[in-house]
């Protein structure tokens, strides 16, 4: 994972942050594309297909992280057994999942950044005041809108993509990005998140993955056997 990619991501975050900071109405305009003013709801919020996609996404993430957990457990129980995955690869995947969707998104942000979801704001039939992405002084009190947890989990698939063999890495990255964007669109369509909730979920997750990758793979001496 290159430094150039991290720099591009930070620049993109700055541009989006400033644009939607100065023009917060853009978030409402994008959310309105999925809102039906006649029925005063987000029609796709009750879509069986989208709910199925959300459930399927969870199982995809479980299948991707399970080998890492099993590999470490086997290493602890049978340290002489030949592993199918290196210890640092397993630690990298588990650490990024725990840090990005886990700690940063669901613990630190969603429960302390009181931005209401689209379905909750007055512009879309709710009772709470809309606030821009940078303002944590909303009326939501728990499991709030900024940022999207499910989108962060979907973009976490960039972590296993980073470990893919070189010939397959571009396809793996492309698939992970498409998965993250797709889950973000699903959450916006259901009225669960604003556009900036999706963008920053992906950006924060990517930054954590890049920094963790550099920490683990550069500090772990290749001349020593992994333990």
Protein backbone atom coordinates (compact mmCIF):
# COMPACT_ATOMS: atom_id res chain seq x y z
CA UNK A 1 0.00 0.00 0.00
CA UNK A 2 1.73 3.11 -1.28
CA UNK A 3 2.37 6.49 0.26
CA UNK A 4 0.98 8.04 -2.92
CA UNK A 5 -2.37 6.37 -2.30
CA UNK A 6 -2.45 7.74 1.23
CA UNK A 7 -1.66 11.26 0.01
CA UNK A 8 -4.36 11.10 -2.66
CA UNK A 9 -6.84 9.91 -0.05
CA UNK A 10 -5.99 12.76 2.32
CA UNK A 11 -6.34 15.33 -0.46
CA UNK A 12 -9.68 13.84 -1.48
CA UNK A 13 -10.84 13.93 2.15
CA UNK A 14 -9.87 17.59 2.40
CA UNK A 15 -11.74 18.48 -0.80
CA UNK A 16 -14.91 16.64 0.19
CA UNK A 17 -14.73 17.95 3.74
CA UNK A 18 -14.40 21.57 2.63
CA UNK A 19 -17.01 21.31 -0.13
CA UNK A 20 -19.66 19.74 2.07
CA UNK A 21 -18.58 21.89 5.00
CA UNK A 22 -19.24 25.12 3.13
CA UNK A 23 -22.26 23.72 1.28
CA UNK A 24 -23.96 21.24 3.66
CA UNK A 25 -27.14 21.42 1.58
CA UNK A 26 -25.41 19.05 -0.83
CA UNK A 27 -25.89 16.23 1.66
CA UNK A 28 -29.63 16.92 1.76
CA UNK A 29 -29.81 17.20 -2.03
CA UNK A 30 -28.21 13.78 -2.49
CA UNK A 31 -30.38 12.18 0.19
CA UNK A 32 -33.49 13.65 -1.45
CA UNK A 33 -32.82 11.50 -4.53
CA UNK A 34 -33.92 8.49 -2.49
CA UNK A 35 -36.81 10.22 -0.68
CA UNK A 36 -40.46 10.20 -1.76
CA UNK A 37 -42.15 13.44 -0.64
CA UNK A 38 -45.62 12.03 -1.34
CA UNK A 39 -45.31 9.10 1.04
CA UNK A 40 -42.83 11.01 3.22
CA UNK A 41 -40.38 8.14 3.54
CA UNK A 42 -37.47 6.39 1.87
CA UNK A 43 -39.26 3.71 -0.20
CA UNK A 44 -36.21 1.44 -0.37
CA UNK A 45 -35.88 1.35 3.42
CA UNK A 46 -38.26 -1.62 3.41
CA UNK A 47 -36.77 -3.34 0.37
CA UNK A 48 -36.28 -7.07 0.94
CA UNK A 49 -33.51 -7.14 -1.66
CA UNK A 50 -31.49 -4.44 0.09
CA UNK A 51 -31.93 -6.10 3.47
CA UNK A 52 -30.72 -9.35 1.94
CA UNK A 53 -27.67 -7.52 0.56
CA UNK A 54 -26.89 -6.16 4.03
CA UNK A 55 -27.06 -9.65 5.54
CA UNK A 56 -24.94 -11.08 2.72
CA UNK A 57 -22.32 -8.38 3.26
CA UNK A 58 -21.95 -9.40 6.90
CA UNK A 59 -21.32 -13.02 5.92
CA UNK A 60 -18.75 -11.98 3.33
CA UNK A 61 -16.80 -10.16 6.04
CA UNK A 62 -17.11 -13.14 8.40
CA UNK A 63 -15.74 -15.47 5.72
CA UNK A 64 -12.82 -13.11 5.08
CA UNK A 65 -11.80 -12.69 8.72
CA UNK A 66 -12.46 -16.27 9.92
CA UNK A 67 -9.24 -17.77 8.47
CA UNK A 68 -7.15 -15.18 10.34
CA UNK A 69 -8.81 -15.94 13.67
CA UNK A 70 -8.51 -19.69 13.15
CA UNK A 71 -4.87 -19.38 12.08
CA UNK A 72 -3.93 -17.51 15.25
CA UNK A 73 -5.84 -19.94 17.45
CA UNK A 74 -4.05 -22.88 15.86
CA UNK A 75 -0.73 -21.06 16.32
CA UNK A 76 -1.46 -20.68 20.04
CA UNK A 77 -2.66 -24.25 20.54
CA UNK A 78 -0.24 -26.00 18.18
CA UNK A 79 2.76 -23.71 17.69
CA UNK A 80 4.66 -26.33 15.65
CA UNK A 81 1.85 -26.84 13.14
CA UNK A 82 2.46 -25.49 9.65
CA UNK A 83 0.26 -22.39 9.23
CA UNK A 84 -1.69 -21.63 6.06
CA UNK A 85 -1.38 -17.91 6.84
CA UNK A 86 1.49 -15.91 8.29
CA UNK A 87 1.08 -14.48 11.76
CA UNK A 88 1.55 -10.91 10.61
CA UNK A 89 -1.07 -11.33 7.86
CA UNK A 90 -3.57 -12.64 10.42
CA UNK A 91 -2.72 -9.86 12.88
CA UNK A 92 -2.99 -7.24 10.14
CA UNK A 93 -6.49 -8.36 9.14
CA UNK A 94 -7.78 -8.70 12.69
CA UNK A 95 -6.21 -5.40 13.81
CA UNK A 96 -7.63 -3.39 10.92
CA UNK A 97 -11.11 -4.82 11.41
CA UNK A 98 -10.96 -4.10 15.14
CA UNK A 99 -9.56 -0.59 14.70
CA UNK A 100 -11.52 0.77 11.73
CA UNK A 101 -15.12 -0.50 11.80
CA UNK A 102 -14.75 -1.48 15.45
CA UNK A 103 -13.04 1.15 17.57
CA UNK A 104 -12.93 4.30 15.43
CA UNK A 105 -16.29 4.02 13.68
CA UNK A 106 -18.68 2.19 16.00
CA UNK A 107 -17.21 3.10 19.39
CA UNK A 108 -15.67 6.57 19.02
CA UNK A 109 -17.67 8.20 16.24
CA UNK A 110 -21.16 6.72 16.00
CA UNK A 111 -21.81 6.94 19.73
CA UNK A 112 -20.25 10.36 20.28
CA UNK A 113 -20.81 12.29 17.04
CA UNK A 114 -24.49 13.12 17.43
CA UNK A 115 -25.41 13.61 13.79
CA UNK A 116 -28.96 12.38 13.05
CA UNK A 117 -29.66 10.03 10.20
CA UNK A 118 -31.56 11.23 7.09
CA UNK A 119 -34.75 9.44 8.20
CA UNK A 120 -34.62 11.40 11.47
CA UNK A 121 -34.22 14.98 10.18
CA UNK A 122 -37.14 17.36 9.65
CA UNK A 123 -36.39 17.74 5.93
CA UNK A 124 -37.38 14.09 5.47
CA UNK A 125 -40.29 13.82 7.86
CA UNK A 126 -38.33 13.33 11.06
CA UNK A 127 -38.14 15.46 14.18
CA UNK A 128 -34.42 16.19 14.52
CA UNK A 129 -32.35 19.10 13.22
CA UNK A 130 -30.02 18.45 10.31
CA UNK A 131 -26.34 19.18 10.98
CA UNK A 132 -23.38 19.12 8.57
CA UNK A 133 -20.80 16.36 8.79
CA UNK A 134 -18.36 18.41 10.89
CA UNK A 135 -20.87 19.31 13.61
CA UNK A 136 -21.20 16.75 16.47
CA UNK A 137 -23.93 18.79 18.20
CA UNK A 138 -26.93 17.01 16.75
CA UNK A 139 -29.90 15.56 18.59
CA UNK A 140 -29.05 11.91 18.04
CA UNK A 141 -27.84 10.21 21.18
CA UNK A 142 -26.78 6.69 20.18
CA UNK A 143 -25.79 4.79 17.04
CA UNK A 144 -25.82 7.98 15.01
CA UNK A 145 -25.18 8.76 11.36
CA UNK A 146 -21.53 9.83 11.22
CA UNK A 147 -19.97 7.65 9.97
CA UNK A 148 -21.49 4.53 8.38
CA UNK A 149 -20.48 1.36 10.20
CA UNK A 150 -21.61 -1.05 7.49
CA UNK A 151 -19.82 0.96 4.82
CA UNK A 152 -16.66 0.98 6.89
CA UNK A 153 -16.90 -2.81 7.26
CA UNK A 154 -17.38 -3.16 3.51
CA UNK A 155 -14.37 -0.97 2.74
CA UNK A 156 -12.36 -3.03 5.24
CA UNK A 157 -12.14 -5.64 2.47
CA UNK A 158 -9.32 -3.43 1.16
CA UNK A 159 -7.22 -5.08 3.87
CA UNK A 160 -7.43 -8.65 2.50
CA UNK A 161 -7.13 -7.14 -0.98
CA UNK A 162 -3.74 -5.70 0.03
CA UNK A 163 -2.54 -9.24 0.77
CA UNK A 164 -3.66 -10.69 -2.55
CA UNK A 165 -0.97 -12.03 -4.91
CA UNK A 166 0.44 -9.27 -7.13
CA UNK A 167 -1.27 -10.45 -10.37
CA UNK A 168 -4.66 -10.38 -8.63
CA UNK A 169 -4.17 -7.32 -6.45
CA UNK A 170 -5.67 -4.74 -8.82
CA UNK A 171 -8.80 -6.86 -9.25
CA UNK A 172 -8.98 -7.37 -5.48
CA UNK A 173 -8.70 -3.63 -4.83
CA UNK A 174 -11.30 -2.85 -7.48
CA UNK A 175 -13.71 -5.41 -6.03
CA UNK A 176 -13.22 -4.08 -2.49
CA UNK A 177 -13.85 -0.48 -3.58
CA UNK A 178 -16.93 -1.53 -5.54
CA UNK A 179 -18.18 -3.46 -2.50
CA UNK A 180 -17.71 -0.43 -0.25
CA UNK A 181 -19.38 1.95 -2.68
CA UNK A 182 -22.23 -0.48 -3.22
CA UNK A 183 -22.89 -0.82 0.50
CA UNK A 184 -22.73 2.95 0.84
CA UNK A 185 -25.37 3.41 -1.85
CA UNK A 186 -27.55 0.81 -0.14
CA UNK A 187 -27.37 2.67 3.16
CA UNK A 188 -28.14 6.02 1.51
CA UNK A 189 -31.05 4.50 -0.43
CA UNK A 190 -32.52 3.21 2.84
CA UNK A 191 -32.24 6.64 4.47
CA UNK A 192 -29.66 5.41 6.93
CA UNK A 193 -26.78 7.72 6.04
CA UNK A 194 -25.81 10.90 4.25
CA UNK A 195 -23.27 10.98 1.44
CA UNK A 196 -20.53 12.35 3.70
CA UNK A 197 -21.15 9.55 6.22
CA UNK A 198 -20.32 7.11 3.43
CA UNK A 199 -17.31 8.99 2.06
CA UNK A 200 -15.63 9.48 5.41
CA UNK A 201 -16.36 5.89 6.46
CA UNK A 202 -14.37 4.75 3.45
CA UNK A 203 -11.63 7.33 3.91
CA UNK A 204 -11.08 6.66 7.62
CA UNK A 205 -11.05 2.91 7.02
CA UNK A 206 -8.54 3.19 4.17
CA UNK A 207 -6.23 5.45 6.18
CA UNK A 208 -6.23 3.04 9.13
CA UNK A 209 -5.52 0.11 6.81
CA UNK A 210 -2.59 1.91 5.16
CA UNK A 211 -1.04 3.00 8.46
CA UNK A 212 -1.48 -0.44 10.05
CA UNK A 213 -0.01 -2.13 7.00
CA UNK A 214 3.06 0.09 7.10
CA UNK A 215 3.46 -0.45 10.84
CA UNK A 216 3.19 -4.24 10.74
CA UNK A 217 5.03 -4.98 7.52
CA UNK A 218 7.87 -2.48 8.02
CA UNK A 219 8.49 -3.04 11.72
CA UNK A 220 8.38 -6.85 11.40
CA UNK A 221 11.89 -7.86 10.42
CA UNK A 222 11.82 -10.26 7.43
CA UNK A 223 15.15 -11.73 8.52
CA UNK A 224 13.56 -13.22 11.63
CA UNK A 225 11.09 -16.09 11.68
CA UNK A 226 7.55 -15.07 12.55
CA UNK A 227 6.22 -16.12 15.90
